[in-house]
C-alpha atoms as a PDB file:
ATOM      1  CA  UNK A   1     115.057 121.510 125.432  1.00  0.00           C
ATOM      2  CA  UNK A   2     113.195 124.825 125.698  1.00  0.00           C
ATOM      3  CA  UNK A   3     114.776 125.988 122.436  1.00  0.00           C
ATOM      4  CA  UNK A   4     113.699 122.787 120.675  1.00  0.00           C
ATOM      5  CA  UNK A   5     110.109 123.193 121.912  1.00  0.00           C
ATOM      6  CA  UNK A   6     110.035 126.808 120.743  1.00  0.00           C
ATOM      7  CA  UNK A   7     111.381 125.849 117.319  1.00  0.00           C
ATOM      8  CA  UNK A   8     108.755 123.111 117.016  1.00  0.00           C
ATOM      9  CA  UNK A   9     105.962 125.523 117.974  1.00  0.00           C
ATOM     10  CA  UNK A  10     107.206 128.019 115.413  1.00  0.00           C
ATOM     11  CA  UNK A  11     107.402 125.289 112.769  1.00  0.00           C
ATOM     12  CA  UNK A  12     103.843 124.149 113.445  1.00  0.00           C
ATOM     13  CA  UNK A  13     102.590 127.731 113.249  1.00  0.00           C
ATOM     14  CA  UNK A  14     104.319 128.317 109.904  1.00  0.00           C
ATOM     15  CA  UNK A  15     101.919 125.869 108.247  1.00  0.00           C
ATOM     16  CA  UNK A  16      98.204 126.603 108.012  1.00  0.00           C
ATOM     17  CA  UNK A  17      95.652 124.180 109.433  1.00  0.00           C
ATOM     18  CA  UNK A  18      94.623 123.282 105.875  1.00  0.00           C
ATOM     19  CA  UNK A  19      98.273 122.528 105.040  1.00  0.00           C
ATOM     20  CA  UNK A  20      98.601 120.200 108.022  1.00  0.00           C
ATOM     21  CA  UNK A  21      95.285 118.486 107.269  1.00  0.00           C
ATOM     22  CA  UNK A  22      96.297 117.907 103.654  1.00  0.00           C
ATOM     23  CA  UNK A  23      99.504 116.224 104.759  1.00  0.00           C
ATOM     24  CA  UNK A  24      98.002 114.179 107.601  1.00  0.00           C
ATOM     25  CA  UNK A  25      95.036 112.949 105.531  1.00  0.00           C
ATOM     26  CA  UNK A  26      97.386 111.893 102.732  1.00  0.00           C
ATOM     27  CA  UNK A  27      99.504 109.964 105.238  1.00  0.00           C
ATOM     28  CA  UNK A  28      96.401 108.250 106.657  1.00  0.00           C
ATOM     29  CA  UNK A  29      95.179 107.253 103.190  1.00  0.00           C
ATOM     30  CA  UNK A  30      98.531 105.884 102.030  1.00  0.00           C
ATOM     31  CA  UNK A  31      99.049 104.059 105.315  1.00  0.00           C
ATOM     32  CA  UNK A  32      95.641 102.410 104.977  1.00  0.00           C
ATOM     33  CA  UNK A  33      96.253 101.473 101.342  1.00  0.00           C
ATOM     34  CA  UNK A  34      99.679 100.033 101.968  1.00  0.00           C
ATOM     35  CA  UNK A  35      98.800  98.118 105.123  1.00  0.00           C
ATOM     36  CA  UNK A  36      95.567  96.801 103.596  1.00  0.00           C
ATOM     37  CA  UNK A  37      97.028  95.726 100.251  1.00  0.00           C
ATOM     38  CA  UNK A  38     100.559  95.019 101.533  1.00  0.00           C
ATOM     39  CA  UNK A  39     101.953  97.038  98.635  1.00  0.00           C
ATOM     40  CA  UNK A  40     105.591  96.865  99.665  1.00  0.00           C
ATOM     41  CA  UNK A  41     105.632  93.063  99.781  1.00  0.00           C
ATOM     42  CA  UNK A  42     103.822  93.087  96.441  1.00  0.00           C
ATOM     43  CA  UNK A  43     106.749  94.995  94.955  1.00  0.00           C
ATOM     44  CA  UNK A  44     109.108  92.292  96.280  1.00  0.00           C
ATOM     45  CA  UNK A  45     107.406  89.718  94.048  1.00  0.00           C
ATOM     46  CA  UNK A  46     108.145  91.684  90.858  1.00  0.00           C
ATOM     47  CA  UNK A  47     111.179  91.395  88.601  1.00  0.00           C
ATOM     48  CA  UNK A  48     114.118  93.615  89.528  1.00  0.00           C
ATOM     49  CA  UNK A  49     113.332  96.525  87.191  1.00  0.00           C
ATOM     50  CA  UNK A  50     109.640  96.577  88.056  1.00  0.00           C
ATOM     51  CA  UNK A  51     110.464  96.374  91.759  1.00  0.00           C
ATOM     52  CA  UNK A  52     112.787  99.371  91.477  1.00  0.00           C
ATOM     53  CA  UNK A  53     110.166 101.316  89.506  1.00  0.00           C
ATOM     54  CA  UNK A  54     107.507 100.500  92.105  1.00  0.00           C
ATOM     55  CA  UNK A  55     109.578 101.794  95.010  1.00  0.00           C
ATOM     56  CA  UNK A  56     110.808 104.779  93.003  1.00  0.00           C
ATOM     57  CA  UNK A  57     107.258 105.875  92.152  1.00  0.00           C
ATOM     58  CA  UNK A  58     106.045 105.286  95.706  1.00  0.00           C
ATOM     59  CA  UNK A  59     108.783 107.470  97.173  1.00  0.00           C
ATOM     60  CA  UNK A  60     108.339 110.064  94.437  1.00  0.00           C
ATOM     61  CA  UNK A  61     104.596 110.204  95.130  1.00  0.00           C
ATOM     62  CA  UNK A  62     105.067 110.832  98.847  1.00  0.00           C
ATOM     63  CA  UNK A  63     107.704 113.546  98.646  1.00  0.00           C
ATOM     64  CA  UNK A  64     106.129 115.004  95.482  1.00  0.00           C
ATOM     65  CA  UNK A  65     102.693 115.325  97.069  1.00  0.00           C
ATOM     66  CA  UNK A  66     104.157 117.152 100.072  1.00  0.00           C
ATOM     67  CA  UNK A  67     106.075 119.554  97.826  1.00  0.00           C
ATOM     68  CA  UNK A  68     102.994 120.193  95.683  1.00  0.00           C
ATOM     69  CA  UNK A  69     101.011 120.975  98.845  1.00  0.00           C
ATOM     70  CA  UNK A  70     103.784 123.388  99.851  1.00  0.00           C
ATOM     71  CA  UNK A  71     103.638 125.076  96.432  1.00  0.00           C
ATOM     72  CA  UNK A  72      99.846 125.333  96.563  1.00  0.00           C
ATOM     73  CA  UNK A  73      99.566 126.877 100.019  1.00  0.00           C
ATOM     74  CA  UNK A  74     102.606 129.140  99.608  1.00  0.00           C
ATOM     75  CA  UNK A  75     101.523 130.037  96.068  1.00  0.00           C
ATOM     76  CA  UNK A  76     105.059 129.354  94.912  1.00  0.00           C
ATOM     77  CA  UNK A  77     105.525 126.907  92.053  1.00  0.00           C
ATOM     78  CA  UNK A  78     108.902 128.317  91.064  1.00  0.00           C
ATOM     79  CA  UNK A  79     110.809 125.348  92.525  1.00  0.00           C
ATOM     80  CA  UNK A  80     109.359 123.135  89.771  1.00  0.00           C
ATOM     81  CA  UNK A  81     111.169 125.278  87.196  1.00  0.00           C
ATOM     82  CA  UNK A  82     114.566 124.959  88.874  1.00  0.00           C
ATOM     83  CA  UNK A  83     116.791 122.190  87.415  1.00  0.00           C
ATOM     84  CA  UNK A  84     118.710 121.818  90.661  1.00  0.00           C
ATOM     85  CA  UNK A  85     115.562 121.113  92.661  1.00  0.00           C
ATOM     86  CA  UNK A  86     114.198 118.706  90.036  1.00  0.00           C
ATOM     87  CA  UNK A  87     117.500 116.820  90.027  1.00  0.00           C
ATOM     88  CA  UNK A  88     117.512 116.477  93.824  1.00  0.00           C
ATOM     89  CA  UNK A  89     113.827 115.554  93.870  1.00  0.00           C
ATOM     90  CA  UNK A  90     114.267 112.702  91.380  1.00  0.00           C
ATOM     91  CA  UNK A  91     117.674 111.632  92.702  1.00  0.00           C
ATOM     92  CA  UNK A  92     116.377 111.241  96.273  1.00  0.00           C
ATOM     93  CA  UNK A  93     113.700 108.719  95.275  1.00  0.00           C
ATOM     94  CA  UNK A  94     116.028 106.914  92.867  1.00  0.00           C
ATOM     95  CA  UNK A  95     118.788 106.536  95.460  1.00  0.00           C
ATOM     96  CA  UNK A  96     116.500 105.146  98.117  1.00  0.00           C
ATOM     97  CA  UNK A  97     114.675 102.895  95.653  1.00  0.00           C
ATOM     98  CA  UNK A  98     118.031 101.428  94.622  1.00  0.00           C
ATOM     99  CA  UNK A  99     118.861 100.824  98.264  1.00  0.00           C
ATOM    100  CA  UNK A 100     115.484  99.102  98.720  1.00  0.00           C
ATOM    101  CA  UNK A 101     116.020  96.605  95.898  1.00  0.00           C
ATOM    102  CA  UNK A 102     119.798  96.186  95.559  1.00  0.00           C
ATOM    103  CA  UNK A 103     120.951  92.647  96.300  1.00  0.00           C
ATOM    104  CA  UNK A 104     124.015  92.234  94.093  1.00  0.00           C
ATOM    105  CA  UNK A 105     126.196  92.320  97.185  1.00  0.00           C
ATOM    106  CA  UNK A 106     124.891  88.906  98.204  1.00  0.00           C
ATOM    107  CA  UNK A 107     126.807  87.334  95.335  1.00  0.00           C
ATOM    108  CA  UNK A 108     129.918  89.265  96.339  1.00  0.00           C
ATOM    109  CA  UNK A 109     129.583  87.995  99.910  1.00  0.00           C
ATOM    110  CA  UNK A 110     129.177  84.452  98.576  1.00  0.00           C
ATOM    111  CA  UNK A 111     132.433  84.716  96.638  1.00  0.00           C
ATOM    112  CA  UNK A 112     134.362  85.459  99.830  1.00  0.00           C
ATOM    113  CA  UNK A 113     132.514  83.003 102.090  1.00  0.00           C
ATOM    114  CA  UNK A 114     132.771  79.289 102.601  1.00  0.00           C
ATOM    115  CA  UNK A 115     129.542  77.578 101.497  1.00  0.00           C
ATOM    116  CA  UNK A 116     128.572  76.728 105.081  1.00  0.00           C
ATOM    117  CA  UNK A 117     128.911  80.389 106.136  1.00  0.00           C
ATOM    118  CA  UNK A 118     127.371  82.036 103.081  1.00  0.00           C
ATOM    119  CA  UNK A 119     123.873  82.575 104.502  1.00  0.00           C
ATOM    120  CA  UNK A 120     125.031  83.822 107.876  1.00  0.00           C
ATOM    121  CA  UNK A 121     127.514  86.245 106.294  1.00  0.00           C
ATOM    122  CA  UNK A 122     124.815  87.626 104.003  1.00  0.00           C
ATOM    123  CA  UNK A 123     122.660  88.378 107.031  1.00  0.00           C
ATOM    124  CA  UNK A 124     125.490  89.858 109.105  1.00  0.00           C
ATOM    125  CA  UNK A 125     127.101  92.095 106.454  1.00  0.00           C
ATOM    126  CA  UNK A 126     123.994  93.129 104.522  1.00  0.00           C
ATOM    127  CA  UNK A 127     123.615  96.433 106.379  1.00  0.00           C
ATOM    128  CA  UNK A 128     127.177  97.499 105.576  1.00  0.00           C
ATOM    129  CA  UNK A 129     126.301  97.484 101.883  1.00  0.00           C
ATOM    130  CA  UNK A 130     122.919  99.162 102.479  1.00  0.00           C
ATOM    131  CA  UNK A 131     124.765 101.917 104.309  1.00  0.00           C
ATOM    132  CA  UNK A 132     127.062 102.524 101.343  1.00  0.00           C
ATOM    133  CA  UNK A 133     124.146 102.679  98.878  1.00  0.00           C
ATOM    134  CA  UNK A 134     122.996 105.860 100.615  1.00  0.00           C
ATOM    135  CA  UNK A 135     126.183 107.464 101.849  1.00  0.00           C
ATOM    136  CA  UNK A 136     128.224 107.224  98.641  1.00  0.00           C
ATOM    137  CA  UNK A 137     125.774 108.899  96.190  1.00  0.00           C
ATOM    138  CA  UNK A 138     124.647 111.511  98.740  1.00  0.00           C
ATOM    139  CA  UNK A 139     128.263 112.433  99.500  1.00  0.00           C
ATOM    140  CA  UNK A 140     128.948 112.769  95.754  1.00  0.00           C
ATOM    141  CA  UNK A 141     125.946 115.114  95.440  1.00  0.00           C
ATOM    142  CA  UNK A 142     127.236 117.134  98.399  1.00  0.00           C
ATOM    143  CA  UNK A 143     130.681 117.416  96.801  1.00  0.00           C
ATOM    144  CA  UNK A 144     129.300 118.510  93.438  1.00  0.00           C
ATOM    145  CA  UNK A 145     126.568 120.867  94.679  1.00  0.00           C
ATOM    146  CA  UNK A 146     126.944 121.809  98.359  1.00  0.00           C
ATOM    147  CA  UNK A 147     130.507 121.545  99.573  1.00  0.00           C
ATOM    148  CA  UNK A 148     130.394 125.161 100.745  1.00  0.00           C
ATOM    149  CA  UNK A 149     128.571 123.753 103.791  1.00  0.00           C
ATOM    150  CA  UNK A 150     129.678 120.886 106.098  1.00  0.00           C
ATOM    151  CA  UNK A 151     128.865 117.411 104.787  1.00  0.00           C
ATOM    152  CA  UNK A 152     125.086 117.340 105.274  1.00  0.00           C
ATOM    153  CA  UNK A 153     124.733 117.547 109.040  1.00  0.00           C
ATOM    154  CA  UNK A 154     128.174 116.364 110.104  1.00  0.00           C
ATOM    155  CA  UNK A 155     128.747 119.354 112.366  1.00  0.00           C
ATOM    156  CA  UNK A 156     129.057 119.577 116.151  1.00  0.00           C
ATOM    157  CA  UNK A 157     128.843 123.380 116.479  1.00  0.00           C
ATOM    158  CA  UNK A 158     125.273 123.427 117.831  1.00  0.00           C
ATOM    159  CA  UNK A 159     125.044 119.843 119.014  1.00  0.00           C
ATOM    160  CA  UNK A 160     124.042 119.365 122.677  1.00  0.00           C
ATOM    161  CA  UNK A 161     124.213 115.751 123.824  1.00  0.00           C
ATOM    162  CA  UNK A 162     122.056 116.199 126.947  1.00  0.00           C
ATOM    163  CA  UNK A 163     118.973 117.145 124.929  1.00  0.00           C
ATOM    164  CA  UNK A 164     119.089 113.965 122.898  1.00  0.00           C
ATOM    165  CA  UNK A 165     119.646 111.764 125.928  1.00  0.00           C
ATOM    166  CA  UNK A 166     116.402 113.214 127.320  1.00  0.00           C
ATOM    167  CA  UNK A 167     114.581 112.562 124.025  1.00  0.00           C
ATOM    168  CA  UNK A 168     115.870 108.998 124.009  1.00  0.00           C
ATOM    169  CA  UNK A 169     114.754 108.431 127.607  1.00  0.00           C
ATOM    170  CA  UNK A 170     111.276 109.693 126.719  1.00  0.00           C
ATOM    171  CA  UNK A 171     111.034 106.877 124.175  1.00  0.00           C
ATOM    172  CA  UNK A 172     111.766 104.128 126.713  1.00  0.00           C
ATOM    173  CA  UNK A 173     108.168 103.820 128.043  1.00  0.00           C
ATOM    174  CA  UNK A 174     106.840 103.597 124.486  1.00  0.00           C
ATOM    175  CA  UNK A 175     109.315 100.858 123.605  1.00  0.00           C
ATOM    176  CA  UNK A 176     108.411  98.963 126.772  1.00  0.00           C
ATOM    177  CA  UNK A 177     104.735  99.191 125.793  1.00  0.00           C
ATOM    178  CA  UNK A 178     105.488  98.035 122.239  1.00  0.00           C
ATOM    179  CA  UNK A 179     107.372  95.038 123.624  1.00  0.00           C
ATOM    180  CA  UNK A 180     104.027  93.506 124.614  1.00  0.00           C
ATOM    181  CA  UNK A 181     102.471  93.841 121.137  1.00  0.00           C
ATOM    182  CA  UNK A 182     102.370  90.764 118.921  1.00  0.00           C
ATOM    183  CA  UNK A 183     103.112  92.555 115.624  1.00  0.00           C
ATOM    184  CA  UNK A 184     106.152  94.189 117.234  1.00  0.00           C
ATOM    185  CA  UNK A 185     107.424  90.863 118.570  1.00  0.00           C
ATOM    186  CA  UNK A 186     106.824  89.200 115.207  1.00  0.00           C
ATOM    187  CA  UNK A 187     109.124  91.734 113.520  1.00  0.00           C
ATOM    188  CA  UNK A 188     111.744  92.326 116.244  1.00  0.00           C
ATOM    189  CA  UNK A 189     114.421  91.624 117.290  1.00  0.00           C
ATOM    190  CA  UNK A 190     115.921  91.698 113.814  1.00  0.00           C
ATOM    191  CA  UNK A 191     118.931  89.750 115.043  1.00  0.00           C
ATOM    192  CA  UNK A 192     116.546  86.824 115.545  1.00  0.00           C
ATOM    193  CA  UNK A 193     116.890  85.973 111.852  1.00  0.00           C
ATOM    194  CA  UNK A 194     120.380  84.644 112.615  1.00  0.00           C
ATOM    195  CA  UNK A 195     118.911  81.815 114.679  1.00  0.00           C
ATOM    196  CA  UNK A 196     117.815  80.019 111.520  1.00  0.00           C
ATOM    197  CA  UNK A 197     121.485  79.866 110.477  1.00  0.00           C
ATOM    198  CA  UNK A 198     122.783  78.884 113.931  1.00  0.00           C
ATOM    199  CA  UNK A 199     124.588  82.211 114.259  1.00  0.00           C
ATOM    200  CA  UNK A 200     127.239  82.509 116.964  1.00  0.00           C
ATOM    201  CA  UNK A 201     127.362  85.195 119.639  1.00  0.00           C
ATOM    202  CA  UNK A 202     130.056  86.971 117.597  1.00  0.00           C
ATOM    203  CA  UNK A 203     127.792  86.954 114.534  1.00  0.00           C
ATOM    204  CA  UNK A 204     124.960  88.452 116.546  1.00  0.00           C
ATOM    205  CA  UNK A 205     127.097  91.221 118.030  1.00  0.00           C
ATOM    206  CA  UNK A 206     128.429  92.095 114.558  1.00  0.00           C
ATOM    207  CA  UNK A 207     124.895  92.084 113.191  1.00  0.00           C
ATOM    208  CA  UNK A 208     123.723  94.517 115.877  1.00  0.00           C
ATOM    209  CA  UNK A 209     126.755  96.754 115.279  1.00  0.00           C
ATOM    210  CA  UNK A 210     126.147  96.987 111.533  1.00  0.00           C
ATOM    211  CA  UNK A 211     122.388  97.256 112.084  1.00  0.00           C
ATOM    212  CA  UNK A 212     123.000 100.332 114.230  1.00  0.00           C
ATOM    213  CA  UNK A 213     125.478 101.773 111.740  1.00  0.00           C
ATOM    214  CA  UNK A 214     122.876 101.555 108.983  1.00  0.00           C
ATOM    215  CA  UNK A 215     120.797 104.132 110.854  1.00  0.00           C
ATOM    216  CA  UNK A 216     123.668 106.595 110.516  1.00  0.00           C
ATOM    217  CA  UNK A 217     123.100 106.483 106.765  1.00  0.00           C
ATOM    218  CA  UNK A 218     119.339 106.902 107.301  1.00  0.00           C
ATOM    219  CA  UNK A 219     119.901 110.084 109.316  1.00  0.00           C
ATOM    220  CA  UNK A 220     122.453 111.303 106.787  1.00  0.00           C
ATOM    221  CA  UNK A 221     119.949 110.795 103.975  1.00  0.00           C
ATOM    222  CA  UNK A 222     116.779 112.137 105.586  1.00  0.00           C
ATOM    223  CA  UNK A 223     117.772 114.690 108.239  1.00  0.00           C
ATOM    224  CA  UNK A 224     120.957 115.634 106.381  1.00  0.00           C
ATOM    225  CA  UNK A 225     120.492 115.459 102.617  1.00  0.00           C
ATOM    226  CA  UNK A 226     116.703 115.801 102.393  1.00  0.00           C
ATOM    227  CA  UNK A 227     116.622 118.763 104.772  1.00  0.00           C
ATOM    228  CA  UNK A 228     119.860 120.629 104.140  1.00  0.00           C
ATOM    229  CA  UNK A 229     120.193 120.132 100.376  1.00  0.00           C
ATOM    230  CA  UNK A 230     116.527 120.995  99.726  1.00  0.00           C
ATOM    231  CA  UNK A 231     116.591 123.917 102.195  1.00  0.00           C
ATOM    232  CA  UNK A 232     118.424 125.897  99.533  1.00  0.00           C
ATOM    233  CA  UNK A 233     115.126 126.013  97.628  1.00  0.00           C
ATOM    234  CA  UNK A 234     112.407 125.979 100.306  1.00  0.00           C
ATOM    235  CA  UNK A 235     114.129 126.568 103.650  1.00  0.00           C
ATOM    236  CA  UNK A 236     112.616 124.768 106.616  1.00  0.00           C
ATOM    237  CA  UNK A 237     109.627 123.769 104.475  1.00  0.00           C
ATOM    238  CA  UNK A 238     111.798 120.851 103.319  1.00  0.00           C
ATOM    239  CA  UNK A 239     111.038 119.117 106.621  1.00  0.00           C
ATOM    240  CA  UNK A 240     107.463 117.934 105.916  1.00  0.00           C
ATOM    241  CA  UNK A 241     108.229 116.393 102.495  1.00  0.00           C
ATOM    242  CA  UNK A 242     111.154 114.620 104.120  1.00  0.00           C
ATOM    243  CA  UNK A 243     108.904 113.312 106.931  1.00  0.00           C
ATOM    244  CA  UNK A 244     106.255 112.037 104.494  1.00  0.00           C
ATOM    245  CA  UNK A 245     108.946 110.288 102.428  1.00  0.00           C
ATOM    246  CA  UNK A 246     110.431 108.902 105.648  1.00  0.00           C
ATOM    247  CA  UNK A 247     107.066 107.468 106.665  1.00  0.00           C
ATOM    248  CA  UNK A 248     106.771 105.649 103.338  1.00  0.00           C
ATOM    249  CA  UNK A 249     109.959 103.650 103.916  1.00  0.00           C
ATOM    250  CA  UNK A 250     108.306 102.140 107.008  1.00  0.00           C
ATOM    251  CA  UNK A 251     105.548 100.398 105.067  1.00  0.00           C
ATOM    252  CA  UNK A 252     105.876  96.716 105.850  1.00  0.00           C
ATOM    253  CA  UNK A 253     106.962  97.413 109.426  1.00  0.00           C
ATOM    254  CA  UNK A 254     104.580  97.428 112.430  1.00  0.00           C
ATOM    255  CA  UNK A 255     101.804 100.014 111.969  1.00  0.00           C
ATOM    256  CA  UNK A 256     102.670 101.929 115.133  1.00  0.00           C
ATOM    257  CA  UNK A 257     106.250 102.323 113.961  1.00  0.00           C
ATOM    258  CA  UNK A 258     105.111 103.617 110.567  1.00  0.00           C
ATOM    259  CA  UNK A 259     102.801 106.187 112.176  1.00  0.00           C
ATOM    260  CA  UNK A 260     105.373 107.381 114.701  1.00  0.00           C
ATOM    261  CA  UNK A 261     108.015 107.687 111.969  1.00  0.00           C
ATOM    262  CA  UNK A 262     106.208 110.709 110.507  1.00  0.00           C
ATOM    263  CA  UNK A 263     106.143 112.569 113.822  1.00  0.00           C
ATOM    264  CA  UNK A 264     109.640 111.494 114.831  1.00  0.00           C
ATOM    265  CA  UNK A 265     110.978 112.400 111.398  1.00  0.00           C
ATOM    266  CA  UNK A 266     109.374 115.836 111.615  1.00  0.00           C
ATOM    267  CA  UNK A 267     110.823 116.555 115.065  1.00  0.00           C
ATOM    268  CA  UNK A 268     114.319 115.417 114.114  1.00  0.00           C
ATOM    269  CA  UNK A 269     114.067 117.347 110.846  1.00  0.00           C
ATOM    270  CA  UNK A 270     113.258 120.609 112.626  1.00  0.00           C
ATOM    271  CA  UNK A 271     116.127 120.018 115.042  1.00  0.00           C
ATOM    272  CA  UNK A 272     118.624 119.240 112.276  1.00  0.00           C
ATOM    273  CA  UNK A 273     117.573 122.327 110.314  1.00  0.00           C
ATOM    274  CA  UNK A 274     118.182 124.657 113.260  1.00  0.00           C
ATOM    275  CA  UNK A 275     121.365 122.993 114.528  1.00  0.00           C
ATOM    276  CA  UNK A 276     122.893 122.047 111.188  1.00  0.00           C
ATOM    277  CA  UNK A 277     123.735 118.729 112.819  1.00  0.00           C
ATOM    278  CA  UNK A 278     122.456 115.166 112.480  1.00  0.00           C
ATOM    279  CA  UNK A 279     124.463 113.798 115.412  1.00  0.00           C
ATOM    280  CA  UNK A 280     121.501 114.166 117.757  1.00  0.00           C
ATOM    281  CA  UNK A 281     119.308 112.282 115.322  1.00  0.00           C
ATOM    282  CA  UNK A 282     121.947 109.558 115.064  1.00  0.00           C
ATOM    283  CA  UNK A 283     122.032 109.220 118.852  1.00  0.00           C
ATOM    284  CA  UNK A 284     118.254 108.970 119.075  1.00  0.00           C
ATOM    285  CA  UNK A 285     117.774 106.741 116.040  1.00  0.00           C
ATOM    286  CA  UNK A 286     120.538 104.252 116.833  1.00  0.00           C
ATOM    287  CA  UNK A 287     119.556 104.292 120.502  1.00  0.00           C
ATOM    288  CA  UNK A 288     115.912 103.546 119.696  1.00  0.00           C
ATOM    289  CA  UNK A 289     116.914 100.795 117.251  1.00  0.00           C
ATOM    290  CA  UNK A 290     119.032  99.011 119.843  1.00  0.00           C
ATOM    291  CA  UNK A 291     116.445  99.557 122.607  1.00  0.00           C
ATOM    292  CA  UNK A 292     113.795  98.027 120.334  1.00  0.00           C
ATOM    293  CA  UNK A 293     116.054  95.028 119.783  1.00  0.00           C
ATOM    294  CA  UNK A 294     116.514  94.675 123.554  1.00  0.00           C
ATOM    295  CA  UNK A 295     112.830  95.256 124.291  1.00  0.00           C
ATOM    296  CA  UNK A 296     111.747  92.651 121.745  1.00  0.00           C
ATOM    297  CA  UNK A 297     114.306  90.155 123.033  1.00  0.00           C
ATOM    298  CA  UNK A 298     112.988  90.536 126.596  1.00  0.00           C
ATOM    299  CA  UNK A 299     109.379  90.622 125.364  1.00  0.00           C
ATOM    300  CA  UNK A 300     109.817  87.323 123.547  1.00  0.00           C
ATOM    301  CA  UNK A 301     111.427  85.755 126.614  1.00  0.00           C
ATOM    302  CA  UNK A 302     108.413  86.796 128.686  1.00  0.00           C
ATOM    303  CA  UNK A 303     106.012  85.604 125.990  1.00  0.00           C
ATOM    304  CA  UNK A 304     107.731  82.207 125.779  1.00  0.00           C
ATOM    305  CA  UNK A 305     107.757  81.945 129.560  1.00  0.00           C
ATOM    306  CA  UNK A 306     103.983  82.408 129.716  1.00  0.00           C
ATOM    307  CA  UNK A 307     103.301  79.546 127.308  1.00  0.00           C
END
């Protein structure tokens, strides 16, 4: 834990106050715009191509702004002349935008489901497809460009389980507090959507399993790919652009979760850079996801009991 704290202090000190302010103010502005205008849900009402373009440009704006701020304060614009960086920069937003809008797998699920189970199977198996939409293209990029290093973050050499258990335990009081907030309880537990289809206990357990597995792909994409692939060009300075991008994918979720995603993403990014491992992030992320499901389930029971 002491090593993590020292690395975080060093990371904070590497960026000037003006650099930090530029990033934080941008995050505040975009959070306000998106939560005031409900931009993400506005994209959902567009046709498929326009929806993809909307998400693509939103993600590109967030990571691009952070990289431009890096170039300005470090007086280094050379990365914008490097084809490899430009490819990764555009590919990252395109991959995640595709994941945000892709729904062709619903038809595939329908083909292999009885009509009465079609809706429930779409809900249960959706996250398995979402996982593949990130892991397959990122793994191809790793194979073509970076296979001299372990698959982005899949290394246990510097992984220490105890540290991440402590980090996860530190989140428990925050999750308990969130479990009393109405916007949190309106959004979680995600497994609650199965109730409208009369999902069985087996369906719900499978849903939670695949829901947790989806966060493996999130860690692989953000703390693996977006830190370790981009580190070739900017070193640890890849962490802040990743964290700003990561925050943007939380638009449409509870405001507190969107805000905390920037700070949590930054911390996990620094850790993954120094350890070369995303297993700690997977432990924390999946653990938090399941604890939020449990907290919301209990919170809703309490809320219903008070009525």
